[in-house]
Amino acid sequence: TQADIEAAARVAEIHEFIMSLPKGYDTYVG
């Protein structure tokens, strides 16, 4: 779920950076 994804991102210490992006977790990479 989205909650699972955000929890994993917090553990990996990348959640804050992702949320700073314009589309957050829906941001495309590559």
PDB file of all heavy atoms in Angstrom:
ATOM      1  N   THR A   1       0.840  -1.195   0.000  1.00  0.00           N
ATOM      2  CA  THR A   1       0.000   0.000   0.000  1.00  0.00           C
ATOM      3  C   THR A   1       0.876   1.246   0.000  1.00  0.00           C
ATOM      4  O   THR A   1       2.105   1.167   0.197  1.00  0.00           O
ATOM      5  CB  THR A   1      -0.902   0.007   1.229  1.00  0.00           C
ATOM      6  OG1 THR A   1      -0.077   0.096   2.402  1.00  0.00           O
ATOM      7  CG2 THR A   1      -1.748  -1.260   1.299  1.00  0.00           C
ATOM      8  N   GLN A   2       0.245   2.406  -0.180  1.00  0.00           N
ATOM      9  CA  GLN A   2       0.984   3.659  -0.125  1.00  0.00           C
ATOM     10  C   GLN A   2       1.633   3.849   1.242  1.00  0.00           C
ATOM     11  O   GLN A   2       2.769   4.336   1.350  1.00  0.00           O
ATOM     12  CB  GLN A   2       0.044   4.834  -0.447  1.00  0.00           C
ATOM     13  CG  GLN A   2       0.731   6.186  -0.513  1.00  0.00           C
ATOM     14  CD  GLN A   2       1.717   6.270  -1.675  1.00  0.00           C
ATOM     15  OE1 GLN A   2       1.570   5.575  -2.687  1.00  0.00           O
ATOM     16  NE2 GLN A   2       2.734   7.117  -1.529  1.00  0.00           N
ATOM     17  N   ALA A   3       0.917   3.441   2.307  1.00  0.00           N
ATOM     18  CA  ALA A   3       1.487   3.541   3.656  1.00  0.00           C
ATOM     19  C   ALA A   3       2.732   2.668   3.796  1.00  0.00           C
ATOM     20  O   ALA A   3       3.731   3.068   4.416  1.00  0.00           O
ATOM     21  CB  ALA A   3       0.437   3.153   4.696  1.00  0.00           C
ATOM     22  N   ASP A   4       2.688   1.463   3.214  1.00  0.00           N
ATOM     23  CA  ASP A   4       3.848   0.568   3.246  1.00  0.00           C
ATOM     24  C   ASP A   4       5.031   1.197   2.528  1.00  0.00           C
ATOM     25  O   ASP A   4       6.177   1.127   2.997  1.00  0.00           O
ATOM     26  CB  ASP A   4       3.509  -0.778   2.591  1.00  0.00           C
ATOM     27  CG  ASP A   4       2.466  -1.565   3.371  1.00  0.00           C
ATOM     28  OD1 ASP A   4       2.386  -1.369   4.587  1.00  0.00           O
ATOM     29  OD2 ASP A   4       1.729  -2.352   2.734  1.00  0.00           O
ATOM     30  N   ILE A   5       4.747   1.809   1.384  1.00  0.00           N
ATOM     31  CA  ILE A   5       5.806   2.432   0.589  1.00  0.00           C
ATOM     32  C   ILE A   5       6.460   3.560   1.369  1.00  0.00           C
ATOM     33  O   ILE A   5       7.698   3.682   1.437  1.00  0.00           O
ATOM     34  CB  ILE A   5       5.229   2.956  -0.744  1.00  0.00           C
ATOM     35  CG1 ILE A   5       4.777   1.775  -1.618  1.00  0.00           C
ATOM     36  CG2 ILE A   5       6.244   3.804  -1.479  1.00  0.00           C
ATOM     37  CD1 ILE A   5       4.016   2.193  -2.857  1.00  0.00           C
ATOM     38  N   GLU A   6       5.644   4.419   1.984  1.00  0.00           N
ATOM     39  CA  GLU A   6       6.190   5.548   2.730  1.00  0.00           C
ATOM     40  C   GLU A   6       6.960   5.086   3.960  1.00  0.00           C
ATOM     41  O   GLU A   6       7.998   5.670   4.319  1.00  0.00           O
ATOM     42  CB  GLU A   6       5.055   6.497   3.121  1.00  0.00           C
ATOM     43  CG  GLU A   6       4.422   7.197   1.925  1.00  0.00           C
ATOM     44  CD  GLU A   6       3.326   8.169   2.320  1.00  0.00           C
ATOM     45  OE1 GLU A   6       3.217   8.471   3.536  1.00  0.00           O
ATOM     46  OE2 GLU A   6       2.593   8.640   1.422  1.00  0.00           O
ATOM     47  N   ALA A   7       6.483   4.021   4.596  1.00  0.00           N
ATOM     48  CA  ALA A   7       7.199   3.489   5.761  1.00  0.00           C
ATOM     49  C   ALA A   7       8.579   2.974   5.353  1.00  0.00           C
ATOM     50  O   ALA A   7       9.577   3.217   6.049  1.00  0.00           O
ATOM     51  CB  ALA A   7       6.378   2.362   6.398  1.00  0.00           C
ATOM     52  N   ALA A   8       8.646   2.281   4.228  1.00  0.00           N
ATOM     53  CA  ALA A   8       9.934   1.784   3.733  1.00  0.00           C
ATOM     54  C   ALA A   8      10.859   2.942   3.379  1.00  0.00           C
ATOM     55  O   ALA A   8      12.068   2.899   3.656  1.00  0.00           O
ATOM     56  CB  ALA A   8       9.704   0.892   2.517  1.00  0.00           C
ATOM     57  N   ALA A   9      10.298   4.008   2.773  1.00  0.00           N
ATOM     58  CA  ALA A   9      11.112   5.162   2.405  1.00  0.00           C
ATOM     59  C   ALA A   9      11.664   5.872   3.634  1.00  0.00           C
ATOM     60  O   ALA A   9      12.795   6.380   3.631  1.00  0.00           O
ATOM     61  CB  ALA A   9      10.281   6.129   1.547  1.00  0.00           C
ATOM     62  N   ARG A  10      10.885   5.912   4.722  1.00  0.00           N
ATOM     63  CA  ARG A  10      11.369   6.545   5.952  1.00  0.00           C
ATOM     64  C   ARG A  10      12.537   5.745   6.546  1.00  0.00           C
ATOM     65  O   ARG A  10      13.524   6.312   7.019  1.00  0.00           O
ATOM     66  CB  ARG A  10      10.232   6.649   6.969  1.00  0.00           C
ATOM     67  CG  ARG A  10       9.225   7.755   6.648  1.00  0.00           C
ATOM     68  CD  ARG A  10       8.266   7.980   7.819  1.00  0.00           C
ATOM     69  NE  ARG A  10       7.383   9.110   7.560  1.00  0.00           N
ATOM     70  CZ  ARG A  10       6.189   9.007   6.988  1.00  0.00           C
ATOM     71  NH1 ARG A  10       5.735   7.793   6.631  1.00  0.00           N
ATOM     72  NH2 ARG A  10       5.439  10.066   6.785  1.00  0.00           N
ATOM     73  N   VAL A  11      12.419   4.430   6.511  1.00  0.00           N
ATOM     74  CA  VAL A  11      13.504   3.590   7.018  1.00  0.00           C
ATOM     75  C   VAL A  11      14.782   3.809   6.208  1.00  0.00           C
ATOM     76  O   VAL A  11      15.888   3.850   6.756  1.00  0.00           O
ATOM     77  CB  VAL A  11      13.098   2.099   6.983  1.00  0.00           C
ATOM     78  CG1 VAL A  11      14.285   1.207   7.332  1.00  0.00           C
ATOM     79  CG2 VAL A  11      11.941   1.842   7.934  1.00  0.00           C
ATOM     80  N   ALA A  12      14.622   3.979   4.895  1.00  0.00           N
ATOM     81  CA  ALA A  12      15.778   4.202   4.019  1.00  0.00           C
ATOM     82  C   ALA A  12      16.217   5.666   3.994  1.00  0.00           C
ATOM     83  O   ALA A  12      17.143   6.022   3.253  1.00  0.00           O
ATOM     84  CB  ALA A  12      15.452   3.751   2.599  1.00  0.00           C
ATOM     85  N   GLU A  13      15.536   6.521   4.784  1.00  0.00           N
ATOM     86  CA  GLU A  13      15.876   7.945   4.927  1.00  0.00           C
ATOM     87  C   GLU A  13      15.838   8.676   3.594  1.00  0.00           C
ATOM     88  O   GLU A  13      16.735   9.459   3.251  1.00  0.00           O
ATOM     89  CB  GLU A  13      17.257   8.100   5.587  1.00  0.00           C
ATOM     90  CG  GLU A  13      17.322   7.502   6.981  1.00  0.00           C
ATOM     91  CD  GLU A  13      18.678   7.690   7.648  1.00  0.00           C
ATOM     92  OE1 GLU A  13      19.572   8.277   7.010  1.00  0.00           O
ATOM     93  OE2 GLU A  13      18.837   7.235   8.784  1.00  0.00           O
ATOM     94  N   ILE A  14      14.771   8.426   2.803  1.00  0.00           N
ATOM     95  CA  ILE A  14      14.603   9.096   1.517  1.00  0.00           C
ATOM     96  C   ILE A  14      13.220   9.737   1.396  1.00  0.00           C
ATOM     97  O   ILE A  14      12.915  10.422   0.421  1.00  0.00           O
ATOM     98  CB  ILE A  14      14.861   8.086   0.358  1.00  0.00           C
ATOM     99  CG1 ILE A  14      15.015   8.804  -1.001  1.00  0.00           C
ATOM    100  CG2 ILE A  14      13.724   7.060   0.286  1.00  0.00           C
ATOM    101  CD1 ILE A  14      16.221   9.650  -1.120  1.00  0.00           C
ATOM    102  N   HIS A  15      12.367   9.561   2.420  1.00  0.00           N
ATOM    103  CA  HIS A  15      10.989  10.059   2.369  1.00  0.00           C
ATOM    104  C   HIS A  15      10.941  11.580   2.193  1.00  0.00           C
ATOM    105  O   HIS A  15      10.177  12.093   1.360  1.00  0.00           O
ATOM    106  CB  HIS A  15      10.238   9.645   3.635  1.00  0.00           C
ATOM    107  CG  HIS A  15       8.862  10.250   3.728  1.00  0.00           C
ATOM    108  ND1 HIS A  15       7.804   9.815   2.948  1.00  0.00           N
ATOM    109  CD2 HIS A  15       8.374  11.272   4.512  1.00  0.00           C
ATOM    110  CE1 HIS A  15       6.727  10.539   3.242  1.00  0.00           C
ATOM    111  NE2 HIS A  15       7.049  11.408   4.192  1.00  0.00           N
ATOM    112  N   GLU A  16      11.732  12.329   2.981  1.00  0.00           N
ATOM    113  CA  GLU A  16      11.694  13.787   2.915  1.00  0.00           C
ATOM    114  C   GLU A  16      12.079  14.288   1.527  1.00  0.00           C
ATOM    115  O   GLU A  16      11.472  15.229   0.999  1.00  0.00           O
ATOM    116  CB  GLU A  16      12.611  14.392   3.979  1.00  0.00           C
ATOM    117  CG  GLU A  16      12.077  14.309   5.399  1.00  0.00           C
ATOM    118  CD  GLU A  16      12.182  12.897   5.959  1.00  0.00           C
ATOM    119  OE1 GLU A  16      12.925  12.070   5.366  1.00  0.00           O
ATOM    120  OE2 GLU A  16      11.508  12.616   6.968  1.00  0.00           O
ATOM    121  N   PHE A  17      13.109  13.681   0.954  1.00  0.00           N
ATOM    122  CA  PHE A  17      13.514  14.122  -0.386  1.00  0.00           C
ATOM    123  C   PHE A  17      12.395  13.855  -1.401  1.00  0.00           C
ATOM    124  O   PHE A  17      12.094  14.702  -2.237  1.00  0.00           O
ATOM    125  CB  PHE A  17      14.779  13.381  -0.823  1.00  0.00           C
ATOM    126  CG  PHE A  17      15.070  13.534  -2.293  1.00  0.00           C
ATOM    127  CD1 PHE A  17      15.577  14.718  -2.810  1.00  0.00           C
ATOM    128  CD2 PHE A  17      14.791  12.487  -3.186  1.00  0.00           C
ATOM    129  CE1 PHE A  17      15.820  14.860  -4.167  1.00  0.00           C
ATOM    130  CE2 PHE A  17      15.034  12.623  -4.535  1.00  0.00           C
ATOM    131  CZ  PHE A  17      15.555  13.823  -5.026  1.00  0.00           C
ATOM    132  N   ILE A  18      11.767  12.670  -1.312  1.00  0.00           N
ATOM    133  CA  ILE A  18      10.699  12.332  -2.262  1.00  0.00           C
ATOM    134  C   ILE A  18       9.551  13.329  -2.147  1.00  0.00           C
ATOM    135  O   ILE A  18       9.005  13.808  -3.150  1.00  0.00           O
ATOM    136  CB  ILE A  18      10.194  10.892  -2.024  1.00  0.00           C
ATOM    137  CG1 ILE A  18      11.310   9.873  -2.316  1.00  0.00           C
ATOM    138  CG2 ILE A  18       8.978  10.591  -2.906  1.00  0.00           C
ATOM    139  CD1 ILE A  18      10.955   8.445  -1.948  1.00  0.00           C
ATOM    140  N   MET A  19       9.186  13.689  -0.915  1.00  0.00           N
ATOM    141  CA  MET A  19       8.080  14.616  -0.710  1.00  0.00           C
ATOM    142  C   MET A  19       8.414  16.023  -1.191  1.00  0.00           C
ATOM    143  O   MET A  19       7.518  16.841  -1.437  1.00  0.00           O
ATOM    144  CB  MET A  19       7.701  14.651   0.771  1.00  0.00           C
ATOM    145  CG  MET A  19       7.111  13.336   1.281  1.00  0.00           C
ATOM    146  SD  MET A  19       5.691  12.764   0.311  1.00  0.00           S
ATOM    147  CE  MET A  19       4.520  14.089   0.611  1.00  0.00           C
ATOM    148  N   SER A  20       9.715  16.334  -1.330  1.00  0.00           N
ATOM    149  CA  SER A  20      10.097  17.663  -1.835  1.00  0.00           C
ATOM    150  C   SER A  20       9.953  17.781  -3.350  1.00  0.00           C
ATOM    151  O   SER A  20      10.002  18.881  -3.897  1.00  0.00           O
ATOM    152  CB  SER A  20      11.544  17.972  -1.442  1.00  0.00           C
ATOM    153  OG  SER A  20      12.448  17.146  -2.189  1.00  0.00           O
ATOM    154  N   LEU A  21       9.770  16.649  -4.022  1.00  0.00           N
ATOM    155  CA  LEU A  21       9.585  16.666  -5.472  1.00  0.00           C
ATOM    156  C   LEU A  21       8.179  17.118  -5.819  1.00  0.00           C
ATOM    157  O   LEU A  21       7.238  16.899  -5.043  1.00  0.00           O
ATOM    158  CB  LEU A  21       9.846  15.268  -6.053  1.00  0.00           C
ATOM    159  CG  LEU A  21      11.266  14.711  -5.854  1.00  0.00           C
ATOM    160  CD1 LEU A  21      11.333  13.244  -6.294  1.00  0.00           C
ATOM    161  CD2 LEU A  21      12.281  15.539  -6.637  1.00  0.00           C
ATOM    162  N   PRO A  22       7.976  17.762  -6.980  1.00  0.00           N
ATOM    163  CA  PRO A  22       6.651  18.299  -7.337  1.00  0.00           C
ATOM    164  C   PRO A  22       5.536  17.259  -7.290  1.00  0.00           C
ATOM    165  O   PRO A  22       4.433  17.558  -6.860  1.00  0.00           O
ATOM    166  CB  PRO A  22       6.863  18.826  -8.767  1.00  0.00           C
ATOM    167  CG  PRO A  22       8.325  19.109  -8.841  1.00  0.00           C
ATOM    168  CD  PRO A  22       8.998  18.093  -7.974  1.00  0.00           C
ATOM    169  N   LYS A  23       5.812  16.022  -7.716  1.00  0.00           N
ATOM    170  CA  LYS A  23       4.777  14.990  -7.735  1.00  0.00           C
ATOM    171  C   LYS A  23       4.998  13.918  -6.670  1.00  0.00           C
ATOM    172  O   LYS A  23       4.329  12.885  -6.683  1.00  0.00           O
ATOM    173  CB  LYS A  23       4.713  14.333  -9.120  1.00  0.00           C
ATOM    174  CG  LYS A  23       4.247  15.286 -10.220  1.00  0.00           C
ATOM    175  CD  LYS A  23       4.103  14.552 -11.544  1.00  0.00           C
ATOM    176  CE  LYS A  23       3.606  15.493 -12.639  1.00  0.00           C
ATOM    177  NZ  LYS A  23       3.452  14.793 -13.936  1.00  0.00           N
ATOM    178  N   GLY A  24       5.930  14.158  -5.773  1.00  0.00           N
ATOM    179  CA  GLY A  24       6.156  13.218  -4.688  1.00  0.00           C
ATOM    180  C   GLY A  24       6.456  11.817  -5.166  1.00  0.00           C
ATOM    181  O   GLY A  24       7.323  11.605  -6.024  1.00  0.00           O
ATOM    182  N   TYR A  25       5.731  10.842  -4.630  1.00  0.00           N
ATOM    183  CA  TYR A  25       5.973   9.448  -4.979  1.00  0.00           C
ATOM    184  C   TYR A  25       5.536   9.116  -6.407  1.00  0.00           C
ATOM    185  O   TYR A  25       5.888   8.066  -6.928  1.00  0.00           O
ATOM    186  CB  TYR A  25       5.240   8.531  -3.995  1.00  0.00           C
ATOM    187  CG  TYR A  25       5.935   8.412  -2.659  1.00  0.00           C
ATOM    188  CD1 TYR A  25       5.656   9.313  -1.639  1.00  0.00           C
ATOM    189  CD2 TYR A  25       6.874   7.422  -2.425  1.00  0.00           C
ATOM    190  CE1 TYR A  25       6.299   9.223  -0.409  1.00  0.00           C
ATOM    191  CE2 TYR A  25       7.515   7.316  -1.210  1.00  0.00           C
ATOM    192  CZ  TYR A  25       7.236   8.225  -0.204  1.00  0.00           C
ATOM    193  OH  TYR A  25       7.881   8.124   0.998  1.00  0.00           O
ATOM    194  N   ASP A  26       4.769   9.999  -7.041  1.00  0.00           N
ATOM    195  CA  ASP A  26       4.342   9.783  -8.429  1.00  0.00           C
ATOM    196  C   ASP A  26       5.328  10.375  -9.430  1.00  0.00           C
ATOM    197  O   ASP A  26       5.042  10.444 -10.623  1.00  0.00           O
ATOM    198  CB  ASP A  26       2.959  10.398  -8.653  1.00  0.00           C
ATOM    199  CG  ASP A  26       1.878   9.646  -7.900  1.00  0.00           C
ATOM    200  OD1 ASP A  26       2.021   8.422  -7.735  1.00  0.00           O
ATOM    201  OD2 ASP A  26       0.895  10.294  -7.461  1.00  0.00           O
ATOM    202  N   THR A  27       6.486  10.812  -8.949  1.00  0.00           N
ATOM    203  CA  THR A  27       7.512  11.371  -9.828  1.00  0.00           C
ATOM    204  C   THR A  27       8.170  10.266 -10.639  1.00  0.00           C
ATOM    205  O   THR A  27       8.550   9.219 -10.097  1.00  0.00           O
ATOM    206  CB  THR A  27       8.583  12.103  -9.005  1.00  0.00           C
ATOM    207  OG1 THR A  27       7.965  13.149  -8.262  1.00  0.00           O
ATOM    208  CG2 THR A  27       9.654  12.696  -9.917  1.00  0.00           C
ATOM    209  N   TYR A  28       8.308  10.505 -11.940  1.00  0.00           N
ATOM    210  CA  TYR A  28       8.975   9.531 -12.805  1.00  0.00           C
ATOM    211  C   TYR A  28      10.481   9.676 -12.695  1.00  0.00           C
ATOM    212  O   TYR A  28      11.005  10.792 -12.544  1.00  0.00           O
ATOM    213  CB  TYR A  28       8.563   9.733 -14.263  1.00  0.00           C
ATOM    214  CG  TYR A  28       7.371   8.893 -14.662  1.00  0.00           C
ATOM    215  CD1 TYR A  28       6.083   9.257 -14.270  1.00  0.00           C
ATOM    216  CD2 TYR A  28       7.534   7.727 -15.401  1.00  0.00           C
ATOM    217  CE1 TYR A  28       4.992   8.490 -14.613  1.00  0.00           C
ATOM    218  CE2 TYR A  28       6.444   6.945 -15.757  1.00  0.00           C
ATOM    219  CZ  TYR A  28       5.173   7.338 -15.357  1.00  0.00           C
ATOM    220  OH  TYR A  28       4.106   6.562 -15.695  1.00  0.00           O
ATOM    221  N   VAL A  29      11.180   8.557 -12.762  1.00  0.00           N
ATOM    222  CA  VAL A  29      12.640   8.556 -12.816  1.00  0.00           C
ATOM    223  C   VAL A  29      13.068   7.922 -14.135  1.00  0.00           C
ATOM    224  O   VAL A  29      12.300   7.216 -14.775  1.00  0.00           O
ATOM    225  CB  VAL A  29      13.251   7.770 -11.630  1.00  0.00           C
ATOM    226  CG1 VAL A  29      12.894   8.421 -10.320  1.00  0.00           C
ATOM    227  CG2 VAL A  29      12.793   6.316 -11.649  1.00  0.00           C
ATOM    228  N   GLY A  30      14.302   8.177 -14.524  1.00  0.00           N
ATOM    229  CA  GLY A  30      14.788   7.600 -15.779  1.00  0.00           C
ATOM    230  C   GLY A  30      14.419   8.456 -16.962  1.00  0.00           C
ATOM    231  O   GLY A  30      14.435   9.689 -16.893  1.00  0.00           O
TER     232      GLY A  30
END
